Protein backbone atom coordinates (compact mmCIF):
# COMPACT_ATOMS: atom_id res chain seq x y z
CA UNK A 1 30.84 -202.29 23.41
CA UNK A 2 30.35 -204.22 26.64
CA UNK A 3 27.94 -206.67 25.04
CA UNK A 4 30.56 -207.61 22.46
CA UNK A 5 33.29 -208.27 24.96
CA UNK A 6 32.16 -210.98 27.26
CA UNK A 7 35.80 -212.10 27.31
CA UNK A 8 36.62 -208.89 29.20
CA UNK A 9 34.14 -209.08 32.04
CA UNK A 10 36.21 -210.49 34.93
CA UNK A 11 39.38 -208.78 36.08
CA UNK A 12 41.24 -211.90 37.22
CA UNK A 13 44.36 -211.81 35.03
CA UNK A 14 44.68 -208.05 35.41
CA UNK A 15 45.05 -208.56 39.16
CA UNK A 16 48.29 -210.47 38.54
CA UNK A 17 49.89 -207.52 36.69
CA UNK A 18 51.70 -204.73 38.59
CA UNK A 19 49.08 -201.97 38.97
CA UNK A 20 51.75 -199.29 38.76
CA UNK A 21 52.85 -200.38 35.28
CA UNK A 22 51.03 -199.68 32.04
CA UNK A 23 49.23 -202.51 30.28
CA UNK A 24 46.24 -202.90 27.99
CA UNK A 25 45.05 -206.47 28.48
CA UNK A 26 42.54 -207.30 25.75
CA UNK A 27 41.06 -210.22 27.68
CA UNK A 28 40.06 -207.89 30.53
CA UNK A 29 39.65 -204.35 29.24
CA UNK A 30 38.37 -201.68 31.66
CA UNK A 31 35.19 -201.29 29.63
CA UNK A 32 33.88 -198.37 31.69
CA UNK A 33 36.95 -196.33 30.72
CA UNK A 34 36.71 -196.79 26.95
CA UNK A 35 35.58 -193.41 25.53
CA UNK A 36 32.01 -193.45 24.32
CA UNK A 37 31.44 -193.18 20.61
CA UNK A 38 28.92 -190.68 19.25
CA UNK A 39 25.71 -192.22 17.95
CA UNK A 40 26.14 -193.25 14.35
CA UNK A 41 29.95 -193.46 14.47
CA UNK A 42 31.57 -196.19 12.43
CA UNK A 43 32.75 -199.37 14.11
CA UNK A 44 33.81 -202.82 13.00
CA UNK A 45 31.18 -204.11 15.36
CA UNK A 46 28.55 -202.95 12.87
CA UNK A 47 28.75 -205.51 10.11
CA UNK A 48 31.96 -207.51 10.46
CA UNK A 49 33.26 -208.85 7.13
CA UNK A 50 32.73 -212.54 6.65
CA UNK A 51 36.47 -213.16 6.37
CA UNK A 52 39.10 -211.64 8.65
CA UNK A 53 42.83 -212.32 8.50
CA UNK A 54 45.77 -211.90 10.82
CA UNK A 55 46.97 -208.36 10.16
CA UNK A 56 50.39 -208.52 8.44
CA UNK A 57 51.23 -205.31 10.36
CA UNK A 58 50.71 -207.12 13.68
CA UNK A 59 53.74 -208.59 15.44
CA UNK A 60 53.10 -210.91 18.38
CA UNK A 61 56.07 -211.07 20.74
CA UNK A 62 56.64 -213.16 23.88
CA UNK A 63 57.21 -211.65 27.34
CA UNK A 64 60.21 -209.33 27.49
CA UNK A 65 60.65 -208.95 23.72
CA UNK A 66 59.84 -205.68 21.93
CA UNK A 67 59.82 -204.58 18.28
CA UNK A 68 63.31 -204.09 16.88
CA UNK A 69 62.87 -200.33 16.49
CA UNK A 70 62.24 -200.03 20.24
CA UNK A 71 65.32 -201.98 21.33
CA UNK A 72 67.49 -198.87 21.17
CA UNK A 73 64.81 -196.83 22.96
CA UNK A 74 63.77 -199.19 25.72
CA UNK A 75 63.62 -196.23 28.08
CA UNK A 76 60.28 -195.43 26.43
CA UNK A 77 58.98 -198.70 27.88
CA UNK A 78 60.21 -198.16 31.44
CA UNK A 79 56.61 -197.82 32.64
CA UNK A 80 55.33 -200.83 30.67
CA UNK A 81 54.56 -204.23 32.13
CA UNK A 82 56.38 -206.58 29.77
CA UNK A 83 55.63 -209.85 31.58
CA UNK A 84 53.03 -211.02 29.04
CA UNK A 85 52.73 -211.66 25.33
CA UNK A 86 51.99 -208.40 23.49
CA UNK A 87 50.50 -207.88 20.03
CA UNK A 88 52.11 -204.78 18.51
CA UNK A 89 49.81 -203.45 15.78
CA UNK A 90 51.33 -200.96 13.38
CA UNK A 91 49.15 -198.35 11.67
CA UNK A 92 50.04 -198.53 7.96
CA UNK A 93 49.47 -194.80 7.54
CA UNK A 94 51.67 -193.29 10.27
CA UNK A 95 53.77 -196.23 11.40
CA UNK A 96 52.53 -195.78 14.97
CA UNK A 97 52.48 -198.86 17.20
CA UNK A 98 49.43 -199.86 19.25
CA UNK A 99 50.35 -202.40 21.98
CA UNK A 100 47.78 -204.91 23.17
CA UNK A 101 48.53 -207.41 25.94
CA UNK A 102 47.15 -210.94 25.46
CA UNK A 103 45.90 -213.05 28.32
CA UNK A 104 45.97 -216.84 28.18
CA UNK A 105 42.69 -217.15 26.27
CA UNK A 106 43.41 -214.66 23.50
CA UNK A 107 47.07 -215.62 23.28
CA UNK A 108 46.07 -219.19 22.45
CA UNK A 109 43.72 -217.93 19.75
CA UNK A 110 46.12 -215.43 18.17
CA UNK A 111 49.10 -217.77 18.11
CA UNK A 112 47.07 -220.27 16.09
CA UNK A 113 46.32 -217.71 13.38
CA UNK A 114 48.25 -218.06 10.13
CA UNK A 115 49.16 -215.17 7.83
CA UNK A 116 47.06 -215.23 4.68
CA UNK A 117 44.51 -217.65 6.08
CA UNK A 118 41.08 -216.50 7.31
CA UNK A 119 40.31 -216.69 11.01
CA UNK A 120 38.50 -219.96 11.73
CA UNK A 121 34.71 -219.92 11.56
CA UNK A 122 34.67 -221.50 15.02
CA UNK A 123 36.08 -218.32 16.59
CA UNK A 124 33.46 -216.89 18.94
CA UNK A 125 31.81 -213.68 17.73
CA UNK A 126 32.87 -211.64 20.76
CA UNK A 127 36.51 -212.65 20.28
CA UNK A 128 36.32 -211.98 16.56
CA UNK A 129 34.91 -208.52 17.22
CA UNK A 130 37.46 -207.73 19.92
CA UNK A 131 40.41 -208.75 17.75
CA UNK A 132 38.97 -206.78 14.83
CA UNK A 133 38.56 -203.66 16.99
CA UNK A 134 42.23 -203.96 17.90
CA UNK A 135 43.11 -204.51 14.20
CA UNK A 136 44.81 -207.79 15.06
CA UNK A 137 42.26 -209.28 12.66
CA UNK A 138 41.59 -207.20 9.54
CA UNK A 139 39.64 -207.65 6.32
CA UNK A 140 41.42 -208.06 3.00
CA UNK A 141 42.69 -204.73 1.68
CA UNK A 142 42.80 -203.14 5.13
CA UNK A 143 46.08 -201.27 4.63
CA UNK A 144 44.98 -199.81 1.30
CA UNK A 145 41.69 -198.58 2.78
CA UNK A 146 43.49 -197.03 5.76
CA UNK A 147 45.82 -195.15 3.42
CA UNK A 148 42.86 -193.72 1.51
CA UNK A 149 41.05 -192.79 4.76
CA UNK A 150 44.14 -191.11 6.19
CA UNK A 151 44.73 -189.15 2.98
CA UNK A 152 41.15 -187.89 3.13
CA UNK A 153 41.72 -186.76 6.72
CA UNK A 154 45.14 -185.17 6.25
CA UNK A 155 44.39 -182.99 3.22
CA UNK A 156 41.64 -180.83 4.74
CA UNK A 157 43.11 -180.87 8.27
CA UNK A 158 46.55 -179.77 7.06
CA UNK A 159 44.97 -176.95 5.08
CA UNK A 160 43.00 -175.72 8.10
CA UNK A 161 46.16 -175.88 10.21
CA UNK A 162 48.11 -173.83 7.66
CA UNK A 163 45.39 -171.20 7.52
CA UNK A 164 44.40 -170.98 11.19
CA UNK A 165 47.27 -172.40 13.21
CA UNK A 166 45.08 -175.02 14.89
CA UNK A 167 42.86 -177.97 13.99
CA UNK A 168 41.06 -180.67 16.00
CA UNK A 169 42.27 -184.22 15.31
CA UNK A 170 40.77 -187.38 16.80
CA UNK A 171 41.84 -191.05 16.88
CA UNK A 172 45.50 -190.37 17.61
CA UNK A 173 45.52 -193.11 20.26
CA UNK A 174 43.46 -196.31 20.09
CA UNK A 175 40.39 -196.24 22.40
CA UNK A 176 41.59 -199.40 24.20
CA UNK A 177 44.94 -197.75 24.94
CA UNK A 178 43.11 -194.60 26.07
CA UNK A 179 41.16 -196.65 28.59
CA UNK A 180 44.37 -198.23 29.85
CA UNK A 181 46.02 -194.80 30.13
CA UNK A 182 43.09 -193.48 32.17
CA UNK A 183 43.42 -196.37 34.60
CA UNK A 184 47.23 -196.04 34.75
CA UNK A 185 47.27 -192.32 35.58
CA UNK A 186 44.39 -192.53 38.04
CA UNK A 187 46.39 -195.16 39.93
CA UNK A 188 49.58 -193.07 39.79
CA UNK A 189 47.79 -190.04 41.25
CA UNK A 190 46.22 -192.14 44.02
CA UNK A 191 49.62 -193.59 44.89
CA UNK A 192 51.27 -190.16 45.02
CA UNK A 193 53.79 -190.85 42.25
CA UNK A 194 52.66 -187.74 40.34
CA UNK A 195 53.27 -184.46 42.12
CA UNK A 196 50.66 -181.81 42.84
CA UNK A 197 51.30 -178.27 41.63
CA UNK A 198 53.67 -176.45 39.30
CA UNK A 199 54.49 -172.88 38.30
CA UNK A 200 51.23 -172.50 36.34
CA UNK A 201 48.78 -173.96 38.83
CA UNK A 202 48.73 -175.36 42.37
CA UNK A 203 45.54 -177.23 41.46
CA UNK A 204 46.90 -179.78 39.01
CA UNK A 205 48.93 -182.98 39.23
CA UNK A 206 51.81 -182.87 36.74
CA UNK A 207 54.45 -185.15 35.24
CA UNK A 208 57.21 -184.09 32.85
CA UNK A 209 58.42 -186.66 30.29
CA UNK A 210 56.80 -189.56 32.16
CA UNK A 211 57.86 -192.67 30.22
CA UNK A 212 54.43 -194.03 29.22
CA UNK A 213 53.31 -190.64 27.89
CA UNK A 214 56.69 -190.40 26.18
CA UNK A 215 56.05 -193.67 24.32
CA UNK A 216 52.81 -192.31 22.83
CA UNK A 217 54.55 -188.96 22.24
CA UNK A 218 56.85 -190.71 19.77
CA UNK A 219 54.08 -192.82 18.25
CA UNK A 220 51.95 -189.89 17.11
CA UNK A 221 54.85 -187.78 15.78
CA UNK A 222 54.30 -188.83 12.15
CA UNK A 223 50.63 -187.87 12.36
CA UNK A 224 51.62 -184.43 13.67
CA UNK A 225 54.18 -184.09 10.85
CA UNK A 226 51.45 -184.78 8.30
CA UNK A 227 49.20 -182.07 9.76
CA UNK A 228 52.06 -179.59 10.23
CA UNK A 229 53.16 -180.06 6.64
CA UNK A 230 56.79 -180.62 7.65
CA UNK A 231 58.85 -183.18 9.56
CA UNK A 232 58.74 -182.69 13.32
CA UNK A 233 60.46 -184.36 16.28
CA UNK A 234 59.30 -184.75 19.89
CA UNK A 235 60.59 -182.20 22.38
CA UNK A 236 58.86 -182.97 25.68
CA UNK A 237 55.53 -184.27 26.96
CA UNK A 238 53.59 -183.04 29.97
CA UNK A 239 50.70 -184.65 31.84
CA UNK A 240 48.35 -182.35 33.75
CA UNK A 241 45.41 -183.55 35.85
CA UNK A 242 43.38 -180.58 37.06
CA UNK A 243 41.30 -180.37 40.22
CA UNK A 244 38.17 -178.24 40.59
CA UNK A 245 39.06 -174.58 40.94
CA UNK A 246 42.05 -174.89 38.59
CA UNK A 247 42.49 -172.27 35.91
CA UNK A 248 44.81 -172.03 32.94
CA UNK A 249 45.58 -168.39 32.30
CA UNK A 250 46.05 -167.14 28.76
CA UNK A 251 49.59 -167.75 27.52
CA UNK A 252 51.74 -168.86 24.63
CA UNK A 253 54.36 -171.57 24.95
CA UNK A 254 58.13 -171.58 24.67
CA UNK A 255 60.10 -172.56 21.58
CA UNK A 256 60.02 -176.28 22.40
CA UNK A 257 56.27 -176.18 21.73
CA UNK A 258 56.17 -174.97 18.13
CA UNK A 259 53.68 -177.73 17.31
CA UNK A 260 51.57 -178.98 20.20
CA UNK A 261 48.80 -181.49 20.76
CA UNK A 262 46.44 -181.17 23.70
CA UNK A 263 44.86 -184.59 24.16
CA UNK A 264 41.79 -184.85 26.39
CA UNK A 265 42.44 -188.06 28.34
CA UNK A 266 40.09 -188.11 31.33
CA UNK A 267 37.28 -186.15 32.90
CA UNK A 268 34.98 -186.55 35.87
CA UNK A 269 32.03 -186.84 35.91
CA UNK A 270 32.14 -189.05 32.82
CA UNK A 271 30.97 -186.95 29.85
CA UNK A 272 28.35 -188.19 27.41
CA UNK A 273 30.21 -186.51 24.55
CA UNK A 274 32.39 -183.40 24.93
CA UNK A 275 33.56 -182.31 28.35
CA UNK A 276 32.31 -179.09 29.93
CA UNK A 277 35.78 -177.50 30.16
CA UNK A 278 36.82 -176.20 26.73
CA UNK A 279 40.14 -174.76 25.67
CA UNK A 280 39.99 -171.18 24.40
CA UNK A 281 42.21 -169.88 21.61
CA UNK A 282 42.94 -166.31 20.55
CA UNK A 283 43.20 -166.24 16.77
CA UNK A 284 43.45 -163.43 14.19
CA UNK A 285 39.77 -164.12 13.41
CA UNK A 286 38.80 -163.76 17.07
CA UNK A 287 38.30 -165.96 20.10
CA UNK A 288 37.63 -169.66 19.43
CA UNK A 289 36.22 -172.15 21.94
CA UNK A 290 37.12 -175.81 21.37
CA UNK A 291 35.18 -178.53 23.21
CA UNK A 292 36.81 -181.96 23.34
CA UNK A 293 35.46 -185.43 23.93
CA UNK A 294 37.66 -188.02 25.63
CA UNK A 295 40.44 -189.01 23.25
CA UNK A 296 40.17 -185.88 21.12
CA UNK A 297 43.33 -184.01 20.23
CA UNK A 298 43.84 -180.39 19.27
CA UNK A 299 46.90 -179.64 17.15
CA UNK A 300 47.98 -176.00 17.43
CA UNK A 301 50.98 -173.72 17.19
CA UNK A 302 51.77 -173.36 20.86
CA UNK A 303 54.24 -170.52 20.37
CA UNK A 304 51.88 -168.42 18.27
CA UNK A 305 48.31 -169.12 19.40
CA UNK A 306 47.45 -167.79 22.89
CA UNK A 307 45.36 -170.37 24.77
CA UNK A 308 43.61 -170.63 28.12
CA UNK A 309 40.91 -172.37 30.15
CA UNK A 310 38.41 -170.87 32.57
CA UNK A 311 38.07 -172.04 36.18
CA UNK A 312 37.19 -175.74 36.37
CA UNK A 313 33.83 -176.20 38.04
CA UNK A 314 33.22 -177.66 41.48
CA UNK A 315 33.18 -181.46 41.59
CA UNK A 316 35.06 -181.79 38.28
CA UNK A 317 38.49 -183.11 37.38
CA UNK A 318 40.15 -183.02 33.97
CA UNK A 319 43.28 -184.73 32.68
CA UNK A 320 45.16 -183.81 29.51
CA UNK A 321 48.43 -184.83 27.94
CA UNK A 322 50.38 -182.09 26.16
CA UNK A 323 52.56 -183.53 23.40
CA UNK A 324 55.07 -180.93 22.19
CA UNK A 325 57.10 -180.99 18.97
CA UNK A 326 59.65 -178.87 17.12
CA UNK A 327 60.77 -178.82 13.47
CA UNK A 328 63.08 -181.70 12.64
CA UNK A 329 66.03 -179.32 12.17
CA UNK A 330 65.54 -177.60 15.55
CA UNK A 331 68.92 -177.52 17.33
CA UNK A 332 68.01 -176.12 20.75
CA UNK A 333 67.24 -177.92 23.99
CA UNK A 334 64.28 -180.29 23.84
CA UNK A 335 63.49 -179.96 27.55
């Protein structure tokens, strides 16, 4: 990854952005925070197509402007830094938006791209790869292939969820955005803007309905609906960053958590693959232990499946985001 992204090596433009606001600047990604891929995993870096085109599902907007669908929900962007040009890339399968900030160098490149015309051969390989990883540049037939891939994921995962009440699901949030989220929440904890302790544990930093988490909460709702087999709507989202010695005692969740996603966001020391602090589920078939790598999600029925974690080991920290959903016709409080 790092060898492909020479454009992201110096953090000069990042220093001009407010550190307390979320941004994912492609020109200067925090490479050390991008979750590692397992050996043999697929990547556009391995054999880029000869021709790449500006993704028709990518909208490039100037500072301060946001996609039309977000105008009525600007509160979801309260934690965003909107002072730069942003490429909003829509996933054709779920409709989720992946925001990527463009520094001066990449902005100049992207704004010269024309829909339907291949990216110029003069575009440097590292830039071509970076823009392809962000799906700003895509090969011909990209949307059709994504629809087929998503269908092949949803069918078996939805069946497992129906039968067992839980199923692991990865790639809910783009790895570049995951890296930016790790940086954002580490900074917030250092600055004391996220409180320590709640009714479940005195050894975790917590934030209820924090706006940046709330944005991604809404973005992955369609993916959760597909796995749940019915339309769902977001209830609330909860960030929890655990310190060593923390424990999550066995429990089930309240009615606002009928469908839940536990997303493994951060862990220290940096794991090679899965972290060493699994979530444990009590199922009709017996106890199940689920290990997660950074970026992995676990979709489960929070009100029906008891879940817990053992004591977090000395010298470790672990951060998760809990995205909670209810059926679309749910009429109770969403808090």
